[in-house]
C-alpha cells in the first residue's frame, strides 16, 4: 500500500448496471391518489413518480 495516492490521474466511469436499475411499467392509480402525490410533488420539488417509488 502506498503512503499517498495521486487522485489527479483518476478517471471516472459510468455505472454499467445503471440501465438495469429501473424498469418502466404502466399501472392504474386512482385519481385521488395521483392528485395527492402530484400536490406533494409541487410542495417538495420531487417528481410524483419518485414519491410513489418511496412508498
Protein backbone atom coordinates (compact mmCIF):
# COMPACT_ATOMS: atom_id res chain seq x y z
CA UNK A 1 0.00 0.00 0.00
CA UNK A 2 1.32 3.43 -0.93
CA UNK A 3 1.68 6.25 1.58
CA UNK A 4 -0.01 8.66 -0.83
CA UNK A 5 -2.19 8.25 -3.90
CA UNK A 6 -2.43 10.71 -6.80
CA UNK A 7 -6.15 11.12 -7.48
CA UNK A 8 -5.50 13.72 -10.20
CA UNK A 9 -4.83 10.89 -12.66
CA UNK A 10 -8.08 9.05 -11.85
CA UNK A 11 -10.82 9.00 -14.43
CA UNK A 12 -14.48 8.31 -13.77
CA UNK A 13 -16.61 5.73 -15.49
CA UNK A 14 -20.32 5.19 -15.84
CA UNK A 15 -22.12 2.52 -13.85
CA UNK A 16 -22.59 -0.40 -16.28
CA UNK A 17 -25.68 -1.55 -14.36
CA UNK A 18 -27.45 1.83 -14.26
CA UNK A 19 -29.82 0.98 -17.11
CA UNK A 20 -30.90 -2.19 -15.29
CA UNK A 21 -31.79 -0.45 -12.02
CA UNK A 22 -35.20 0.80 -13.13
CA UNK A 23 -37.86 -0.61 -15.40
CA UNK A 24 -40.66 1.37 -16.99
CA UNK A 25 -44.16 -0.03 -16.32
CA UNK A 26 -47.76 1.11 -16.61
CA UNK A 27 -50.04 0.94 -13.57
CA UNK A 28 -53.56 2.15 -12.87
CA UNK A 29 -53.79 4.53 -9.93
CA UNK A 30 -56.97 6.05 -8.55
CA UNK A 31 -57.42 9.72 -9.36
CA UNK A 32 -57.36 10.91 -5.75
CA UNK A 33 -54.11 9.03 -5.09
CA UNK A 34 -52.48 10.56 -8.15
CA UNK A 35 -53.68 14.05 -7.19
CA UNK A 36 -52.26 13.57 -3.69
CA UNK A 37 -48.81 12.65 -4.99
CA UNK A 38 -48.88 15.44 -7.57
CA UNK A 39 -49.69 18.02 -4.88
CA UNK A 40 -46.94 16.64 -2.62
CA UNK A 41 -44.63 16.82 -5.63
CA UNK A 42 -45.23 20.56 -6.00
CA UNK A 43 -44.56 21.09 -2.29
CA UNK A 44 -41.35 19.06 -2.16
CA UNK A 45 -39.89 19.62 -5.62
CA UNK A 46 -39.61 15.86 -6.13
CA UNK A 47 -41.42 14.26 -9.08
CA UNK A 48 -44.59 12.39 -8.20
CA UNK A 49 -43.14 9.21 -9.73
CA UNK A 50 -40.19 9.35 -7.33
CA UNK A 51 -42.53 9.98 -4.38
CA UNK A 52 -44.62 6.93 -5.32
CA UNK A 53 -41.40 4.89 -5.51
CA UNK A 54 -40.57 5.89 -1.93
CA UNK A 55 -43.69 4.10 -0.73
